[in-house]
PDB file of N, CA and C in Angstrom:
ATOM      1  N   MET A   1      -3.796  -9.742   6.373  1.00  0.00           N
ATOM      2  CA  MET A   1      -3.612 -10.347   7.549  1.00  0.00           C
ATOM      3  C   MET A   1      -4.159 -12.280   7.223  1.00  0.00           C
ATOM      4  N   ARG A   2      -4.455 -11.918   6.034  1.00  0.00           N
ATOM      5  CA  ARG A   2      -4.677 -13.315   6.569  1.00  0.00           C
ATOM      6  C   ARG A   2      -2.958 -13.993   5.658  1.00  0.00           C
ATOM      7  N   VAL A   3      -2.336 -13.310   4.903  1.00  0.00           N
ATOM      8  CA  VAL A   3      -1.344 -13.946   5.020  1.00  0.00           C
ATOM      9  C   VAL A   3      -0.145 -13.951   6.008  1.00  0.00           C
ATOM     10  N   LEU A   4      -0.388 -13.319   6.700  1.00  0.00           N
ATOM     11  CA  LEU A   4       0.189 -13.293   7.915  1.00  0.00           C
ATOM     12  C   LEU A   4       0.231 -14.289   8.857  1.00  0.00           C
ATOM     13  N   ARG A   5      -1.242 -14.187   8.888  1.00  0.00           N
ATOM     14  CA  ARG A   5      -1.219 -15.556  10.060  1.00  0.00           C
ATOM     15  C   ARG A   5      -1.202 -17.007   9.217  1.00  0.00           C
ATOM     16  N   TYR A   6      -1.224 -16.837   7.698  1.00  0.00           N
ATOM     17  CA  TYR A   6      -0.194 -18.238   6.813  1.00  0.00           C
ATOM     18  C   TYR A   6       0.665 -18.804   7.082  1.00  0.00           C
ATOM     19  N   LEU A   7       1.718 -17.722   7.466  1.00  0.00           N
ATOM     20  CA  LEU A   7       3.345 -17.644   7.593  1.00  0.00           C
ATOM     21  C   LEU A   7       3.318 -17.634   9.158  1.00  0.00           C
ATOM     22  N   LYS A   8       2.415 -17.160   9.220  1.00  0.00           N
ATOM     23  CA  LYS A   8       2.446 -17.228  11.222  1.00  0.00           C
ATOM     24  C   LYS A   8       2.250 -19.069  11.844  1.00  0.00           C
ATOM     25  N   SER A   9       1.479 -19.627  10.958  1.00  0.00           N
ATOM     26  CA  SER A   9       0.805 -20.989  11.231  1.00  0.00           C
ATOM     27  C   SER A   9       1.919 -22.057  10.587  1.00  0.00           C
ATOM     28  N   SER A  10       2.517 -21.503   9.906  1.00  0.00           N
ATOM     29  CA  SER A  10       3.578 -22.290   8.738  1.00  0.00           C
ATOM     30  C   SER A  10       4.502 -22.554   8.503  1.00  0.00           C
ATOM     31  N   PRO A  11       5.296 -22.540   9.794  1.00  0.00           N
ATOM     32  CA  PRO A  11       6.631 -22.291   9.757  1.00  0.00           C
ATOM     33  C   PRO A  11       7.556 -23.804   9.006  1.00  0.00           C
ATOM     34  N   GLY A  12       8.397 -22.490   8.340  1.00  0.00           N
ATOM     35  CA  GLY A  12       9.571 -23.615   7.297  1.00  0.00           C
ATOM     36  C   GLY A  12       9.050 -23.459   5.791  1.00  0.00           C
ATOM     37  N   ARG A  13       7.534 -23.243   5.596  1.00  0.00           N
ATOM     38  CA  ARG A  13       7.160 -22.234   4.818  1.00  0.00           C
ATOM     39  C   ARG A  13       7.092 -20.826   4.410  1.00  0.00           C
ATOM     40  N   GLY A  14       6.837 -20.798   2.958  1.00  0.00           N
ATOM     41  CA  GLY A  14       6.904 -19.628   2.841  1.00  0.00           C
ATOM     42  C   GLY A  14       5.987 -19.746   1.707  1.00  0.00           C
ATOM     43  N   ILE A  15       5.903 -18.208   0.783  1.00  0.00           N
ATOM     44  CA  ILE A  15       5.586 -17.452  -0.288  1.00  0.00           C
ATOM     45  C   ILE A  15       6.352 -17.340  -1.361  1.00  0.00           C
ATOM     46  N   ILE A  16       6.528 -17.418  -2.101  1.00  0.00           N
ATOM     47  CA  ILE A  16       7.714 -17.555  -3.325  1.00  0.00           C
ATOM     48  C   ILE A  16       7.203 -16.348  -4.043  1.00  0.00           C
ATOM     49  N   PHE A  17       8.431 -15.243  -4.295  1.00  0.00           N
ATOM     50  CA  PHE A  17       7.900 -14.274  -5.364  1.00  0.00           C
ATOM     51  C   PHE A  17       8.979 -14.354  -6.272  1.00  0.00           C
ATOM     52  N   SER A  18       8.588 -14.121  -7.554  1.00  0.00           N
ATOM     53  CA  SER A  18       9.748 -14.208  -8.555  1.00  0.00           C
ATOM     54  C   SER A  18       9.960 -13.096  -9.052  1.00  0.00           C
ATOM     55  N   LYS A  19      11.652 -13.199  -9.045  1.00  0.00           N
ATOM     56  CA  LYS A  19      12.471 -11.671  -9.532  1.00  0.00           C
ATOM     57  C   LYS A  19      11.790 -11.408 -11.227  1.00  0.00           C
ATOM     58  N   ASN A  20      11.296 -10.308 -11.203  1.00  0.00           N
ATOM     59  CA  ASN A  20      11.265  -9.985 -12.146  1.00  0.00           C
ATOM     60  C   ASN A  20      11.825  -8.184 -12.684  1.00  0.00           C
ATOM     61  N   ASP A  21      11.791  -7.774 -13.572  1.00  0.00           N
ATOM     62  CA  ASP A  21      12.590  -7.056 -14.227  1.00  0.00           C
ATOM     63  C   ASP A  21      11.505  -5.493 -13.953  1.00  0.00           C
ATOM     64  N   HIS A  22      10.008  -5.906 -13.962  1.00  0.00           N
ATOM     65  CA  HIS A  22       9.122  -4.801 -14.234  1.00  0.00           C
ATOM     66  C   HIS A  22       8.013  -4.671 -12.811  1.00  0.00           C
ATOM     67  N   LEU A  23       8.221  -3.499 -12.387  1.00  0.00           N
ATOM     68  CA  LEU A  23       6.759  -3.695 -11.001  1.00  0.00           C
ATOM     69  C   LEU A  23       5.849  -3.256 -11.574  1.00  0.00           C
ATOM     70  N   ASN A  24       5.078  -3.944 -12.557  1.00  0.00           N
ATOM     71  CA  ASN A  24       3.898  -3.577 -12.797  1.00  0.00           C
ATOM     72  C   ASN A  24       2.907  -3.977 -11.662  1.00  0.00           C
ATOM     73  N   ILE A  25       1.689  -2.903 -11.211  1.00  0.00           N
ATOM     74  CA  ILE A  25       0.535  -3.091 -10.280  1.00  0.00           C
ATOM     75  C   ILE A  25      -0.624  -3.671 -10.812  1.00  0.00           C
ATOM     76  N   ILE A  26      -1.192  -4.671 -11.433  1.00  0.00           N
ATOM     77  CA  ILE A  26      -2.354  -5.067 -11.987  1.00  0.00           C
ATOM     78  C   ILE A  26      -3.141  -5.703 -11.043  1.00  0.00           C
ATOM     79  N   GLY A  27      -4.450  -5.036 -11.095  1.00  0.00           N
ATOM     80  CA  GLY A  27      -5.617  -5.494 -10.527  1.00  0.00           C
ATOM     81  C   GLY A  27      -6.862  -6.166 -11.430  1.00  0.00           C
ATOM     82  N   TYR A  28      -7.792  -7.113 -10.563  1.00  0.00           N
ATOM     83  CA  TYR A  28      -8.678  -7.558 -11.409  1.00  0.00           C
ATOM     84  C   TYR A  28      -9.938  -7.578 -10.023  1.00  0.00           C
ATOM     85  N   THR A  29     -11.022  -6.484 -10.950  1.00  0.00           N
ATOM     86  CA  THR A  29     -12.383  -6.708  -9.688  1.00  0.00           C
ATOM     87  C   THR A  29     -13.141  -7.420 -10.448  1.00  0.00           C
ATOM     88  N   ASP A  30     -14.284  -8.079  -9.849  1.00  0.00           N
ATOM     89  CA  ASP A  30     -15.677  -8.032 -10.322  1.00  0.00           C
ATOM     90  C   ASP A  30     -16.967  -8.352  -9.420  1.00  0.00           C
ATOM     91  N   ALA A  31     -17.475  -8.080  -9.570  1.00  0.00           N
ATOM     92  CA  ALA A  31     -18.634  -8.005  -8.732  1.00  0.00           C
ATOM     93  C   ALA A  31     -20.206  -8.753  -9.463  1.00  0.00           C
ATOM     94  N   TYR A  32     -20.689 -10.022  -8.838  1.00  0.00           N
ATOM     95  CA  TYR A  32     -21.935 -10.158  -9.234  1.00  0.00           C
ATOM     96  C   TYR A  32     -23.028 -10.715  -7.895  1.00  0.00           C
ATOM     97  N   LEU A  33     -24.352 -10.273  -7.966  1.00  0.00           N
ATOM     98  CA  LEU A  33     -25.427 -10.918  -7.787  1.00  0.00           C
ATOM     99  C   LEU A  33     -25.053 -11.954  -6.683  1.00  0.00           C
ATOM    100  N   ASN A  34     -25.313 -13.015  -7.693  1.00  0.00           N
ATOM    101  CA  ASN A  34     -24.785 -14.700  -7.145  1.00  0.00           C
ATOM    102  C   ASN A  34     -26.683 -14.968  -6.868  1.00  0.00           C
ATOM    103  N   GLY A  35     -27.356 -14.699  -6.899  1.00  0.00           N
ATOM    104  CA  GLY A  35     -29.207 -15.255  -7.056  1.00  0.00           C
ATOM    105  C   GLY A  35     -29.561 -14.556  -6.092  1.00  0.00           C
ATOM    106  N   ASN A  36     -28.682 -13.632  -5.238  1.00  0.00           N
ATOM    107  CA  ASN A  36     -29.171 -12.733  -3.539  1.00  0.00           C
ATOM    108  C   ASN A  36     -30.327 -12.287  -4.170  1.00  0.00           C
ATOM    109  N   LEU A  37     -31.683 -12.470  -4.307  1.00  0.00           N
ATOM    110  CA  LEU A  37     -32.902 -11.815  -4.940  1.00  0.00           C
ATOM    111  C   LEU A  37     -33.026 -10.910  -3.494  1.00  0.00           C
ATOM    112  N   ILE A  38     -33.413 -11.249  -2.096  1.00  0.00           N
ATOM    113  CA  ILE A  38     -33.791 -10.993  -0.815  1.00  0.00           C
ATOM    114  C   ILE A  38     -32.754  -9.407  -0.661  1.00  0.00           C
ATOM    115  N   ASP A  39     -31.573  -9.555  -0.418  1.00  0.00           N
ATOM    116  CA  ASP A  39     -31.343  -7.480   0.158  1.00  0.00           C
ATOM    117  C   ASP A  39     -30.382  -7.274  -1.338  1.00  0.00           C
ATOM    118  N   LYS A  40     -30.250  -7.932  -2.406  1.00  0.00           N
ATOM    119  CA  LYS A  40     -29.771  -7.042  -3.733  1.00  0.00           C
ATOM    120  C   LYS A  40     -29.091  -6.632  -3.505  1.00  0.00           C
ATOM    121  N   LYS A  41     -27.788  -7.373  -2.906  1.00  0.00           N
ATOM    122  CA  LYS A  41     -26.804  -6.578  -2.661  1.00  0.00           C
ATOM    123  C   LYS A  41     -25.728  -7.336  -3.321  1.00  0.00           C
ATOM    124  N   PHE A  42     -24.797  -7.001  -4.088  1.00  0.00           N
ATOM    125  CA  PHE A  42     -24.224  -7.472  -4.624  1.00  0.00           C
ATOM    126  C   PHE A  42     -22.709  -8.204  -4.095  1.00  0.00           C
ATOM    127  N   THR A  43     -22.235  -9.151  -4.698  1.00  0.00           N
ATOM    128  CA  THR A  43     -20.893  -9.539  -3.887  1.00  0.00           C
ATOM    129  C   THR A  43     -19.378  -9.527  -5.374  1.00  0.00           C
ATOM    130  N   SER A  44     -18.564  -8.960  -4.365  1.00  0.00           N
ATOM    131  CA  SER A  44     -17.560  -8.147  -4.950  1.00  0.00           C
ATOM    132  C   SER A  44     -16.077  -8.899  -4.613  1.00  0.00           C
ATOM    133  N   GLY A  45     -15.371  -8.848  -5.354  1.00  0.00           N
ATOM    134  CA  GLY A  45     -14.282  -9.901  -5.560  1.00  0.00           C
ATOM    135  C   GLY A  45     -12.974  -8.915  -5.867  1.00  0.00           C
ATOM    136  N   TYR A  46     -11.953  -9.194  -5.947  1.00  0.00           N
ATOM    137  CA  TYR A  46     -10.238  -8.305  -5.842  1.00  0.00           C
ATOM    138  C   TYR A  46      -9.632  -9.299  -5.823  1.00  0.00           C
ATOM    139  N   PHE A  47      -8.544  -9.121  -6.729  1.00  0.00           N
ATOM    140  CA  PHE A  47      -6.988  -9.781  -6.449  1.00  0.00           C
ATOM    141  C   PHE A  47      -5.990  -8.819  -7.415  1.00  0.00           C
ATOM    142  N   THR A  48      -4.778  -8.317  -6.653  1.00  0.00           N
ATOM    143  CA  THR A  48      -3.806  -7.713  -6.861  1.00  0.00           C
ATOM    144  C   THR A  48      -2.311  -8.304  -6.466  1.00  0.00           C
ATOM    145  N   PHE A  49      -2.121  -8.115  -8.240  1.00  0.00           N
ATOM    146  CA  PHE A  49      -0.555  -8.548  -8.676  1.00  0.00           C
ATOM    147  C   PHE A  49       0.198  -7.401  -8.493  1.00  0.00           C
ATOM    148  N   VAL A  50       1.535  -7.907  -8.007  1.00  0.00           N
ATOM    149  CA  VAL A  50       2.742  -6.554  -8.395  1.00  0.00           C
ATOM    150  C   VAL A  50       4.147  -7.462  -8.575  1.00  0.00           C
ATOM    151  N   ALA A  51       4.321  -6.824  -9.607  1.00  0.00           N
ATOM    152  CA  ALA A  51       5.500  -7.949 -10.508  1.00  0.00           C
ATOM    153  C   ALA A  51       5.124  -9.277 -10.628  1.00  0.00           C
ATOM    154  N   GLY A  52       3.796  -9.535 -11.323  1.00  0.00           N
ATOM    155  CA  GLY A  52       3.361 -10.947 -11.393  1.00  0.00           C
ATOM    156  C   GLY A  52       3.533 -11.784 -10.216  1.00  0.00           C
ATOM    157  N   ASN A  53       3.727 -11.013  -9.175  1.00  0.00           N
ATOM    158  CA  ASN A  53       2.984 -12.033  -8.052  1.00  0.00           C
ATOM    159  C   ASN A  53       1.281 -11.501  -7.193  1.00  0.00           C
ATOM    160  N   LEU A  54       0.775 -12.519  -6.440  1.00  0.00           N
ATOM    161  CA  LEU A  54      -0.367 -12.495  -5.924  1.00  0.00           C
ATOM    162  C   LEU A  54       0.200 -11.703  -4.528  1.00  0.00           C
ATOM    163  N   VAL A  55      -0.511 -10.457  -4.245  1.00  0.00           N
ATOM    164  CA  VAL A  55      -0.041  -9.806  -3.210  1.00  0.00           C
ATOM    165  C   VAL A  55      -1.395  -9.685  -1.780  1.00  0.00           C
ATOM    166  N   THR A  56      -2.470  -9.205  -2.720  1.00  0.00           N
ATOM    167  CA  THR A  56      -3.678  -9.643  -2.364  1.00  0.00           C
ATOM    168  C   THR A  56      -4.888  -9.400  -3.003  1.00  0.00           C
ATOM    169  N   TRP A  57      -6.098 -10.248  -2.168  1.00  0.00           N
ATOM    170  CA  TRP A  57      -7.288 -10.339  -2.598  1.00  0.00           C
ATOM    171  C   TRP A  57      -8.741 -10.608  -1.772  1.00  0.00           C
ATOM    172  N   LYS A  58      -9.621 -10.465  -2.045  1.00  0.00           N
ATOM    173  CA  LYS A  58     -10.855 -10.331  -1.367  1.00  0.00           C
ATOM    174  C   LYS A  58     -12.328 -10.530  -1.998  1.00  0.00           C
ATOM    175  N   SER A  59     -13.255 -11.086  -1.332  1.00  0.00           N
ATOM    176  CA  SER A  59     -14.302 -11.145  -1.783  1.00  0.00           C
ATOM    177  C   SER A  59     -14.924 -11.043  -0.362  1.00  0.00           C
ATOM    178  N   LYS A  60     -15.997 -10.400  -0.933  1.00  0.00           N
ATOM    179  CA  LYS A  60     -16.947  -9.109   0.481  1.00  0.00           C
ATOM    180  C   LYS A  60     -18.214  -8.710  -0.321  1.00  0.00           C
ATOM    181  N   LYS A  61     -19.444  -8.422   0.417  1.00  0.00           N
ATOM    182  CA  LYS A  61     -20.953  -8.202   0.224  1.00  0.00           C
ATOM    183  C   LYS A  61     -20.553  -6.410   0.113  1.00  0.00           C
ATOM    184  N   GLN A  62     -21.249  -5.942  -0.863  1.00  0.00           N
ATOM    185  CA  GLN A  62     -21.150  -4.265  -0.749  1.00  0.00           C
ATOM    186  C   GLN A  62     -21.928  -4.130  -0.282  1.00  0.00           C
ATOM    187  N   ASN A  63     -21.875  -3.284   0.615  1.00  0.00           N
ATOM    188  CA  ASN A  63     -22.454  -2.148   1.775  1.00  0.00           C
ATOM    189  C   ASN A  63     -23.940  -1.319   1.694  1.00  0.00           C
ATOM    190  N   VAL A  64     -24.080  -1.280   0.218  1.00  0.00           N
ATOM    191  CA  VAL A  64     -24.900  -0.766  -0.642  1.00  0.00           C
ATOM    192  C   VAL A  64     -25.758  -1.387  -1.675  1.00  0.00           C
ATOM    193  N   VAL A  65     -26.506  -0.607  -2.122  1.00  0.00           N
ATOM    194  CA  VAL A  65     -27.386  -1.954  -2.862  1.00  0.00           C
ATOM    195  C   VAL A  65     -27.556  -0.825  -4.394  1.00  0.00           C
ATOM    196  N   ALA A  66     -26.459  -1.648  -5.004  1.00  0.00           N
ATOM    197  CA  ALA A  66     -26.464  -0.734  -6.898  1.00  0.00           C
ATOM    198  C   ALA A  66     -27.648  -1.732  -7.411  1.00  0.00           C
ATOM    199  N   LEU A  67     -28.143  -0.139  -8.041  1.00  0.00           N
ATOM    200  CA  LEU A  67     -29.442  -0.808  -9.545  1.00  0.00           C
ATOM    201  C   LEU A  67     -28.487  -1.600 -10.534  1.00  0.00           C
ATOM    202  N   SER A  68     -27.780  -1.430 -10.589  1.00  0.00           N
ATOM    203  CA  SER A  68     -27.179  -2.681 -12.064  1.00  0.00           C
ATOM    204  C   SER A  68     -25.689  -3.082 -11.740  1.00  0.00           C
ATOM    205  N   SER A  69     -25.468  -4.489 -12.603  1.00  0.00           N
ATOM    206  CA  SER A  69     -24.240  -5.299 -12.015  1.00  0.00           C
ATOM    207  C   SER A  69     -22.967  -4.232 -12.687  1.00  0.00           C
ATOM    208  N   ALA A  70     -23.290  -3.027 -13.551  1.00  0.00           N
ATOM    209  CA  ALA A  70     -22.599  -2.118 -14.162  1.00  0.00           C
ATOM    210  C   ALA A  70     -22.159  -1.124 -12.797  1.00  0.00           C
ATOM    211  N   GLU A  71     -22.561  -0.698 -12.219  1.00  0.00           N
ATOM    212  CA  GLU A  71     -22.885   0.672 -10.975  1.00  0.00           C
ATOM    213  C   GLU A  71     -22.207  -0.238  -9.897  1.00  0.00           C
ATOM    214  N   ALA A  72     -22.771  -1.676  -9.624  1.00  0.00           N
ATOM    215  CA  ALA A  72     -21.556  -2.529  -8.888  1.00  0.00           C
ATOM    216  C   ALA A  72     -20.496  -2.635  -8.514  1.00  0.00           C
ATOM    217  N   GLU A  73     -19.809  -3.210 -10.079  1.00  0.00           N
ATOM    218  CA  GLU A  73     -19.024  -2.965 -10.610  1.00  0.00           C
ATOM    219  C   GLU A  73     -17.848  -1.669 -10.621  1.00  0.00           C
ATOM    220  N   PHE A  74     -18.321  -0.740 -11.093  1.00  0.00           N
ATOM    221  CA  PHE A  74     -17.953   0.795 -10.634  1.00  0.00           C
ATOM    222  C   PHE A  74     -17.225   0.629  -9.332  1.00  0.00           C
ATOM    223  N   ARG A  75     -18.660   0.865  -8.584  1.00  0.00           N
ATOM    224  CA  ARG A  75     -18.074   1.232  -6.930  1.00  0.00           C
ATOM    225  C   ARG A  75     -16.669   0.375  -6.642  1.00  0.00           C
ATOM    226  N   TRP A  76     -17.171  -1.228  -6.798  1.00  0.00           N
ATOM    227  CA  TRP A  76     -15.646  -1.812  -6.879  1.00  0.00           C
ATOM    228  C   TRP A  76     -14.731  -1.229  -6.823  1.00  0.00           C
ATOM    229  N   MET A  77     -14.145  -0.811  -8.145  1.00  0.00           N
ATOM    230  CA  MET A  77     -13.465  -0.195  -8.613  1.00  0.00           C
ATOM    231  C   MET A  77     -12.871   0.160  -8.662  1.00  0.00           C
ATOM    232  N   THR A  78     -13.941   1.660  -8.167  1.00  0.00           N
ATOM    233  CA  THR A  78     -13.446   2.548  -7.938  1.00  0.00           C
ATOM    234  C   THR A  78     -12.562   2.703  -6.221  1.00  0.00           C
ATOM    235  N   LYS A  79     -12.851   1.988  -5.237  1.00  0.00           N
ATOM    236  CA  LYS A  79     -12.459   1.631  -4.492  1.00  0.00           C
ATOM    237  C   LYS A  79     -11.148   1.433  -4.320  1.00  0.00           C
ATOM    238  N   ARG A  80     -11.036  -0.027  -5.437  1.00  0.00           N
ATOM    239  CA  ARG A  80      -9.801  -0.489  -5.762  1.00  0.00           C
ATOM    240  C   ARG A  80      -8.745   0.405  -5.977  1.00  0.00           C
ATOM    241  N   LEU A  81      -9.158   1.117  -6.916  1.00  0.00           N
ATOM    242  CA  LEU A  81      -8.013   1.862  -7.616  1.00  0.00           C
ATOM    243  C   LEU A  81      -6.866   2.820  -6.370  1.00  0.00           C
ATOM    244  N   CYS A  82      -8.159   3.286  -5.680  1.00  0.00           N
ATOM    245  CA  CYS A  82      -7.739   4.247  -4.143  1.00  0.00           C
ATOM    246  C   CYS A  82      -6.862   3.945  -3.630  1.00  0.00           C
ATOM    247  N   GLU A  83      -7.577   2.431  -3.540  1.00  0.00           N
ATOM    248  CA  GLU A  83      -6.253   1.433  -2.290  1.00  0.00           C
ATOM    249  C   GLU A  83      -4.777   1.577  -3.408  1.00  0.00           C
ATOM    250  N   ILE A  84      -5.191   0.837  -4.200  1.00  0.00           N
ATOM    251  CA  ILE A  84      -3.476   0.940  -5.034  1.00  0.00           C
ATOM    252  C   ILE A  84      -2.954   2.208  -5.223  1.00  0.00           C
ATOM    253  N   LEU A  85      -4.017   2.987  -5.730  1.00  0.00           N
ATOM    254  CA  LEU A  85      -2.829   4.800  -5.514  1.00  0.00           C
ATOM    255  C   LEU A  85      -2.411   4.481  -4.377  1.00  0.00           C
TER     256      LEU A  85
END
């Protein structure tokens, strides 16, 4: 939605996608506590590349409290993998 809003509000501009011979989908995720010791919820983020071009990104506070950063990253990674598939 953010990309579509950008394109709508910026006539004459666009997004450049480079032409590649491969259609690899690569996704990166991360989760961090960011010093938030009040509710103990991790902030997670991701971005996805298709054929070397950035197509999605997001940062959000997780809905559940994780017991460790590994658990928080695993939850977010699992969610992203389901969306990519």
